[in-house]
Amino acid sequence: MAKRDFYETLGVAKNASEEEIKKSYRKLAMKYHPDRNPDSKGSEEKFKEVKEAYEMLTNAEKREAYDRYGHAGVDPNMGGGGFGGNAGGFADSFGDIFGDIFGGGGRNRNTGPQVYRGADLRYNLEITLEQAAHGFDTTIRVPSWDKCDTCHGTGAKPGTAPSTCTTCAGHGQVRMQQGFFSIQQTCPKCHGTGKTISDPCAPCGGAGRIKRNKTLEVKIPVGIDNGMRIRSSGNGEPGTNGGPSGDLYVEIHIKPHAVFQREGDDLHCEMPISFAKAALGGEIEVPTLDGKVSFTIPDGTQSGKTFRLKGKGIKGVRSGYAGDLFCHVAIETPVKLTEKQKDLLHEFEKSTAEGGGKHSPQSKTWKDKVKDFFE
């Protein structure tokens, strides 16, 4: 049966550019690939037809022969130019397509060892709530890698030099064939460097770098919160084969505070007051992160009552104004009373009981609810 025209097979014009041919092939190859159509014999045949057309039309010499002589110009059985011994297979042609999609390498894409960015590092910094609220400057010591002074970064003993890796020919990567596909991976011998060292430098062990500690200045911004990170660009691990260094992330951990609990930009604290102060009301003094402040509580203040001090919280990193301080009242029961104090309390209890529910509205309401429940 006569072969279809290659251009017709790919659905492109005769003057189509190589990019247009690749685009069309990518679409058709995905559509008819045997792995996507395991039970379709017709799809497998179409896939082979599409692949052959792509291989011919993306080879400049074969395309020219095909344009002049048709199938006879590229079919070895018809005396044409033929495929020759270096026609390449599906792995190479499809590898080019996946290289376009995913950024990998097709044929002749790698001209040297792969360059890799260094890994990012994390440094845990513990600070106080006061430091987080006001911000401060500090220094930290982190591990770092510096170029070896002995071999100047080559990894080879002075007087010698690294040699080109014979396994990957200096590319840093090797191609492994797996069925239809070819997979490119890091060279197992040189580990991606493209070089091998027969006589390594003693101080660095052939790594070309020495581990040292370095001191960095870190600015902690006002209002930083627990778990936030500060990025120090380029202070992570160095890259491979001249790649850029990673970044250092300083992660903030705020120590528990003896008085305050933080929720976003707001602060909360428990404010213990005496029974008499709660009953009579008056001025009380409470702490804030900026010093003590005073305010007046009304008489008859109940336990659990919350007072809000506006603007006495923390001004967050992304906030235009400070949060609030919430003071939660906790009425403290007196302990270790003297006999006189006990007598006074007994007398006080007797007088409030004679007054009925007007002195204890919450207790009266609760008793009424219990009564209704049992009735």
Protein backbone atom coordinates (compact mmCIF):
# COMPACT_ATOMS: atom_id res chain seq x y z
CA MET A 1 0.00 0.00 0.00
CA ALA A 2 1.32 3.41 -0.96
CA LYS A 3 2.64 5.57 1.85
CA ARG A 4 0.84 8.79 2.71
CA ASP A 5 2.56 12.07 2.10
CA PHE A 6 4.64 12.97 5.16
CA TYR A 7 3.30 16.52 5.25
CA GLU A 8 -0.25 15.21 5.03
CA THR A 9 0.45 12.70 7.80
CA LEU A 10 1.52 15.49 10.14
CA GLY A 11 -1.16 17.89 8.90
CA VAL A 12 1.28 20.68 7.97
CA ALA A 13 2.04 22.63 4.81
CA LYS A 14 5.09 21.82 2.66
CA ASN A 15 6.72 25.10 3.67
CA ALA A 16 6.08 24.50 7.41
CA SER A 17 8.86 25.49 9.78
CA GLU A 18 10.59 22.96 11.99
CA GLU A 19 8.79 24.40 15.02
CA GLU A 20 5.40 23.91 13.32
CA ILE A 21 6.33 20.31 12.49
CA LYS A 22 7.38 19.66 16.09
CA LYS A 23 4.18 21.18 17.42
CA SER A 24 2.01 19.03 15.18
CA TYR A 25 4.02 15.89 15.94
CA ARG A 26 3.79 16.50 19.69
CA LYS A 27 0.00 16.63 19.46
CA LEU A 28 -0.36 13.55 17.25
CA ALA A 29 2.24 11.49 19.16
CA MET A 30 0.41 12.07 22.39
CA LYS A 31 -2.89 11.15 20.73
CA TYR A 32 -1.74 7.86 19.15
CA HIS A 33 0.92 6.73 21.63
CA PRO A 34 0.55 2.96 22.32
CA ASP A 35 0.64 3.49 26.07
CA ARG A 36 -2.46 5.66 25.81
CA ASN A 37 -4.22 3.25 23.44
CA PRO A 38 -3.17 -0.23 24.61
CA ASP A 39 -6.03 -2.04 22.86
CA SER A 40 -5.95 -0.19 19.54
CA LYS A 41 -3.84 -1.73 16.78
CA GLY A 42 -4.78 1.13 14.48
CA SER A 43 -3.42 3.72 16.90
CA GLU A 44 -0.08 1.91 17.04
CA GLU A 45 0.19 1.98 13.24
CA LYS A 46 -0.72 5.67 13.12
CA PHE A 47 1.85 6.38 15.80
CA LYS A 48 4.60 4.69 13.77
CA GLU A 49 3.49 6.59 10.67
CA VAL A 50 3.55 9.92 12.49
CA LYS A 51 6.95 9.15 14.01
CA GLU A 52 8.48 8.29 10.66
CA ALA A 53 7.14 11.47 9.07
CA TYR A 54 8.53 13.55 11.94
CA GLU A 55 11.98 11.93 11.74
CA MET A 56 12.19 12.60 8.02
CA LEU A 57 10.97 16.18 8.02
CA THR A 58 13.12 17.34 10.95
CA ASN A 59 16.30 16.09 9.26
CA ALA A 60 17.40 18.77 6.80
CA GLU A 61 19.09 16.37 4.35
CA LYS A 62 16.24 13.86 4.35
CA ARG A 63 13.63 16.59 3.98
CA GLU A 64 15.45 18.02 0.97
CA ALA A 65 15.66 14.54 -0.62
CA TYR A 66 11.99 13.91 0.11
CA ASP A 67 10.92 17.24 -1.36
CA ARG A 68 12.84 16.46 -4.59
CA TYR A 69 12.18 12.75 -5.08
CA GLY A 70 9.32 11.87 -2.73
CA HIS A 71 9.45 8.57 -0.82
CA ALA A 72 12.01 7.23 -3.29
CA GLY A 73 14.50 9.81 -2.02
CA VAL A 74 14.49 8.48 1.53
CA ASP A 75 13.55 4.79 1.18
CA PRO A 76 16.71 2.60 1.16
CA ASN A 77 14.77 -0.18 -0.57
CA MET A 78 14.14 2.15 -3.52
CA GLY A 79 17.75 3.22 -3.99
CA GLY A 80 17.35 6.69 -2.58
CA GLY A 81 19.33 8.44 0.08
CA GLY A 82 18.14 5.93 2.65
CA PHE A 83 18.24 6.11 6.38
CA GLY A 84 21.86 5.19 6.75
CA GLY A 85 23.29 3.91 9.98
CA ASN A 86 22.63 7.08 11.94
CA ALA A 87 18.93 7.66 11.36
CA GLY A 88 18.19 7.66 15.06
CA GLY A 89 15.22 6.04 16.70
CA PHE A 90 12.03 6.99 18.41
CA ALA A 91 13.87 7.59 21.67
CA ASP A 92 15.91 10.40 20.13
CA SER A 93 13.08 12.02 18.21
CA PHE A 94 10.58 11.77 21.06
CA GLY A 95 13.31 12.88 23.46
CA ASP A 96 13.51 16.15 21.50
CA ILE A 97 9.80 16.67 21.95
CA PHE A 98 9.90 16.03 25.70
CA GLY A 99 12.94 18.26 25.90
CA ASP A 100 10.85 21.09 24.47
CA ILE A 101 8.01 20.42 26.89
CA PHE A 102 9.89 19.81 30.12
CA GLY A 103 13.15 21.58 29.53
CA GLY A 104 15.23 18.43 29.25
CA GLY A 105 17.88 17.78 26.66
CA GLY A 106 17.36 16.23 23.25
CA ARG A 107 20.18 15.35 20.91
CA ASN A 108 23.27 17.52 21.12
CA ARG A 109 21.68 19.71 23.79
CA ASN A 110 24.33 19.28 26.48
CA THR A 111 27.61 21.01 25.85
CA GLY A 112 28.97 20.64 29.35
CA PRO A 113 28.23 19.52 32.92
CA GLN A 114 24.89 20.47 34.41
CA VAL A 115 24.78 23.52 36.67
CA TYR A 116 22.76 23.17 39.86
CA ARG A 117 21.57 25.78 42.37
CA GLY A 118 22.68 25.21 45.94
CA ALA A 119 20.24 23.98 48.59
CA ASP A 120 18.42 26.40 50.88
CA LEU A 121 19.27 26.35 54.59
CA ARG A 122 17.16 27.05 57.67
CA TYR A 123 18.33 28.64 60.92
CA ASN A 124 16.03 28.55 63.98
CA LEU A 125 16.27 31.77 66.00
CA GLU A 126 14.58 31.97 69.41
CA ILE A 127 13.63 35.47 70.61
CA THR A 128 11.52 37.02 73.36
CA LEU A 129 8.09 38.59 72.91
CA GLU A 130 9.57 41.99 73.72
CA GLN A 131 12.19 41.58 70.98
CA ALA A 132 9.49 40.55 68.51
CA ALA A 133 7.38 43.57 69.41
CA HIS A 134 10.14 46.17 69.11
CA GLY A 135 12.50 44.59 66.56
CA PHE A 136 16.27 44.45 66.88
CA ASP A 137 19.52 43.70 65.07
CA THR A 138 21.49 40.56 65.87
CA THR A 139 24.25 38.34 64.51
CA ILE A 140 24.15 34.61 63.89
CA ARG A 141 26.81 32.04 63.05
CA VAL A 142 25.97 29.59 60.30
CA PRO A 143 27.97 26.85 58.56
CA SER A 144 29.35 27.83 55.18
CA TRP A 145 31.53 26.46 52.42
CA ASP A 146 34.52 28.44 51.13
CA LYS A 147 36.83 27.72 48.21
CA CYS A 148 39.79 25.59 49.26
CA ASP A 149 42.90 27.76 49.59
CA THR A 150 45.20 24.88 48.67
CA CYS A 151 43.69 23.75 45.35
CA HIS A 152 41.80 27.01 44.63
CA GLY A 153 38.56 25.12 44.14
CA THR A 154 39.73 22.52 41.60
CA GLY A 155 39.72 19.64 44.09
CA ALA A 156 42.99 18.32 42.62
CA LYS A 157 46.32 18.17 44.41
CA PRO A 158 48.52 21.20 43.61
CA GLY A 159 50.50 20.53 40.44
CA THR A 160 47.77 18.28 39.01
CA ALA A 161 44.47 18.98 37.31
CA PRO A 162 41.09 17.22 36.99
CA SER A 163 40.59 15.16 33.83
CA THR A 164 37.54 14.85 31.62
CA CYS A 165 35.21 12.07 32.75
CA THR A 166 35.45 9.15 30.33
CA THR A 167 31.95 7.89 31.14
CA CYS A 168 30.03 11.02 30.14
CA ALA A 169 32.74 12.70 28.00
CA GLY A 170 32.59 15.77 30.24
CA HIS A 171 28.83 16.36 29.88
CA GLY A 172 28.03 15.40 33.47
CA GLN A 173 25.08 13.30 32.30
CA VAL A 174 24.51 9.96 30.61
CA ARG A 175 21.57 8.71 28.57
CA MET A 176 19.87 5.45 29.62
CA GLN A 177 17.58 3.60 27.21
CA GLN A 178 14.34 2.19 28.64
CA GLY A 179 12.06 0.78 25.97
CA PHE A 180 10.76 3.56 23.72
CA PHE A 181 12.15 6.26 25.98
CA SER A 182 15.65 7.44 26.77
CA ILE A 183 16.26 8.93 30.19
CA GLN A 184 19.03 11.39 30.90
CA GLN A 185 20.54 11.17 34.37
CA THR A 186 23.54 12.38 36.34
CA CYS A 187 26.75 10.58 35.52
CA PRO A 188 27.41 8.01 38.29
CA LYS A 189 31.18 8.36 37.98
CA CYS A 190 31.73 12.13 38.15
CA HIS A 191 28.38 12.94 39.84
CA GLY A 192 27.54 15.61 37.30
CA THR A 193 30.80 17.57 37.38
CA GLY A 194 32.12 16.27 34.04
CA LYS A 195 35.54 15.86 35.67
CA THR A 196 37.35 13.14 37.57
CA ILE A 197 40.16 13.65 40.05
CA SER A 198 42.82 10.95 40.26
CA ASP A 199 44.95 12.73 42.87
CA PRO A 200 42.65 14.72 45.20
CA CYS A 201 43.66 17.69 47.30
CA ALA A 202 44.35 16.57 50.88
CA PRO A 203 42.82 19.48 52.88
CA CYS A 204 39.44 19.38 51.07
CA GLY A 205 39.43 15.70 50.09
CA GLY A 206 38.84 16.59 46.43
CA ALA A 207 35.69 18.60 47.12
CA GLY A 208 37.32 21.91 46.22
CA ARG A 209 35.76 23.61 49.24
CA ILE A 210 36.24 23.78 53.01
CA LYS A 211 33.48 24.01 55.62
CA ARG A 212 33.73 27.05 57.86
CA ASN A 213 31.39 29.09 60.05
CA LYS A 214 30.48 32.62 59.06
CA THR A 215 28.82 35.43 60.96
CA LEU A 216 25.81 37.15 59.44
CA GLU A 217 23.95 40.24 60.55
CA VAL A 218 20.18 39.80 60.70
CA LYS A 219 17.62 42.57 61.11
CA ILE A 220 14.52 41.40 62.98
CA PRO A 221 11.63 43.65 61.92
CA VAL A 222 9.16 45.20 64.35
CA GLY A 223 6.14 42.98 65.00
CA ILE A 224 7.50 39.72 63.60
CA ASP A 225 5.41 36.71 64.63
CA ASN A 226 6.14 33.13 65.55
CA GLY A 227 6.95 30.93 62.53
CA MET A 228 7.77 33.82 60.19
CA ARG A 229 10.96 33.55 58.14
CA ILE A 230 13.57 36.09 57.11
CA ARG A 231 15.33 35.37 53.81
CA SER A 232 19.05 35.98 53.48
CA SER A 233 19.74 35.73 49.76
CA GLY A 234 22.75 33.70 48.63
CA ASN A 235 23.77 32.50 52.09
CA GLY A 236 22.63 28.91 51.62
CA GLU A 237 24.77 26.06 50.27
CA PRO A 238 26.92 26.90 47.24
CA GLY A 239 25.82 25.66 43.82
CA THR A 240 27.38 22.84 41.83
CA ASN A 241 29.54 23.46 38.76
CA GLY A 242 29.33 27.22 39.18
CA GLY A 243 25.60 27.30 39.94
CA PRO A 244 24.14 30.01 42.21
CA SER A 245 24.09 29.56 45.96
CA GLY A 246 20.85 28.79 47.77
CA ASP A 247 19.26 31.07 50.34
CA LEU A 248 19.30 31.05 54.13
CA TYR A 249 15.94 31.27 55.89
CA VAL A 250 15.96 32.47 59.51
CA GLU A 251 12.84 31.02 61.14
CA ILE A 252 11.54 32.87 64.19
CA HIS A 253 10.47 31.07 67.36
CA ILE A 254 9.08 33.26 70.17
CA LYS A 255 9.61 32.09 73.74
CA PRO A 256 6.54 31.71 75.98
CA HIS A 257 5.92 34.88 78.02
CA ALA A 258 5.25 34.93 81.75
CA VAL A 259 2.40 37.46 81.48
CA PHE A 260 1.13 37.79 77.91
CA GLN A 261 -0.22 35.46 75.26
CA ARG A 262 -0.12 36.70 71.66
CA GLU A 263 -2.90 36.23 69.10
CA GLY A 264 -1.96 37.98 65.88
CA ASP A 265 -1.35 41.61 66.80
CA ASP A 266 -3.38 41.39 70.03
CA LEU A 267 -2.14 40.51 73.49
CA HIS A 268 -4.06 38.78 76.29
CA CYS A 269 -3.31 38.65 79.99
CA GLU A 270 -5.06 37.47 83.11
CA MET A 271 -5.63 40.21 85.68
CA PRO A 272 -6.16 38.89 89.25
CA ILE A 273 -7.96 41.34 91.54
CA SER A 274 -9.20 41.10 95.10
CA PHE A 275 -12.78 40.38 96.04
CA ALA A 276 -13.08 43.83 97.60
CA LYS A 277 -11.68 45.60 94.54
CA ALA A 278 -14.12 43.75 92.30
CA ALA A 279 -17.03 44.66 94.57
CA LEU A 280 -16.09 48.29 95.19
CA GLY A 281 -14.39 49.13 91.88
CA GLY A 282 -11.54 51.58 91.56
CA GLU A 283 -8.25 52.16 89.79
CA ILE A 284 -5.94 49.27 88.97
CA GLU A 285 -2.50 49.09 87.39
CA VAL A 286 -1.68 46.61 84.59
CA PRO A 287 1.55 45.91 82.69
CA THR A 288 2.04 46.43 78.94
CA LEU A 289 5.07 45.86 76.69
CA ASP A 290 5.73 49.61 76.92
CA GLY A 291 5.34 49.99 80.68
CA LYS A 292 2.52 50.13 83.23
CA VAL A 293 -0.85 51.79 82.63
CA SER A 294 -3.77 52.49 84.97
CA PHE A 295 -7.49 52.37 84.36
CA THR A 296 -10.66 52.28 86.45
CA ILE A 297 -12.90 49.24 86.80
CA PRO A 298 -16.55 49.67 87.80
CA ASP A 299 -17.98 48.35 91.06
CA GLY A 300 -19.53 44.92 90.86
CA THR A 301 -17.02 43.62 88.32
CA GLN A 302 -17.49 39.88 87.82
CA SER A 303 -14.83 37.23 87.33
CA GLY A 304 -14.15 36.64 83.63
CA LYS A 305 -14.94 40.23 82.65
CA THR A 306 -12.62 41.42 79.86
CA PHE A 307 -11.28 44.96 79.53
CA ARG A 308 -9.81 46.13 76.23
CA LEU A 309 -6.90 48.58 76.13
CA LYS A 310 -6.84 49.92 72.59
CA GLY A 311 -3.45 50.14 70.85
CA LYS A 312 -1.55 48.39 73.65
CA GLY A 313 -0.88 45.24 71.63
CA ILE A 314 1.76 44.73 68.94
CA LYS A 315 2.17 46.56 65.64
CA GLY A 316 2.54 43.66 63.20
CA VAL A 317 4.97 43.47 60.30
CA ARG A 318 2.20 44.15 57.77
CA SER A 319 -0.06 46.27 60.03
CA GLY A 320 -0.54 50.00 59.93
CA TYR A 321 -1.42 50.23 63.61
CA ALA A 322 -0.94 48.29 66.84
CA GLY A 323 -3.33 45.65 68.13
CA ASP A 324 -5.07 45.74 71.49
CA LEU A 325 -4.42 44.37 74.98
CA PHE A 326 -7.26 42.32 76.50
CA CYS A 327 -7.20 42.03 80.29
CA HIS A 328 -9.28 39.15 81.64
CA VAL A 329 -10.43 39.61 85.24
CA ALA A 330 -9.83 36.75 87.67
CA ILE A 331 -11.21 37.42 91.17
CA GLU A 332 -8.86 35.95 93.70
CA THR A 333 -10.29 34.13 96.73
CA PRO A 334 -8.44 35.16 99.89
CA VAL A 335 -6.57 32.39 101.76
CA LYS A 336 -5.03 31.91 105.23
CA LEU A 337 -7.55 34.21 106.90
CA THR A 338 -7.30 35.26 110.54
CA GLU A 339 -10.19 34.66 112.94
CA LYS A 340 -11.09 38.33 112.80
CA GLN A 341 -11.18 38.27 108.99
CA LYS A 342 -13.36 35.17 109.05
CA ASP A 343 -15.78 36.84 111.50
CA LEU A 344 -15.99 39.87 109.22
CA LEU A 345 -16.74 37.66 106.22
CA HIS A 346 -19.42 35.74 108.13
CA GLU A 347 -21.03 39.03 109.09
CA PHE A 348 -20.76 40.25 105.48
CA GLU A 349 -22.28 37.03 104.14
CA LYS A 350 -25.19 37.32 106.59
CA SER A 351 -25.91 40.91 105.57
CA THR A 352 -25.87 40.15 101.82
CA ALA A 353 -28.16 37.15 102.36
CA GLU A 354 -30.68 39.36 104.15
CA GLY A 355 -30.67 41.64 101.12
CA GLY A 356 -31.99 38.89 98.86
CA GLY A 357 -30.98 38.47 95.25
CA LYS A 358 -30.13 42.10 94.62
CA HIS A 359 -26.57 41.56 95.89
CA SER A 360 -25.99 38.36 93.87
CA PRO A 361 -27.85 38.64 90.55
CA GLN A 362 -25.94 35.83 88.87
CA SER A 363 -26.52 33.45 91.76
CA LYS A 364 -30.24 34.30 91.79
CA THR A 365 -30.53 33.71 88.06
CA TRP A 366 -28.75 30.38 88.36
CA LYS A 367 -31.01 29.23 91.20
CA ASP A 368 -34.08 30.15 89.18
CA LYS A 369 -32.79 28.10 86.24
CA VAL A 370 -32.17 25.08 88.50
CA LYS A 371 -35.64 25.41 89.98
CA ASP A 372 -37.23 25.52 86.54
CA PHE A 373 -35.21 22.51 85.49
CA PHE A 374 -36.44 20.27 88.34
CA GLU A 375 -40.01 21.49 88.07
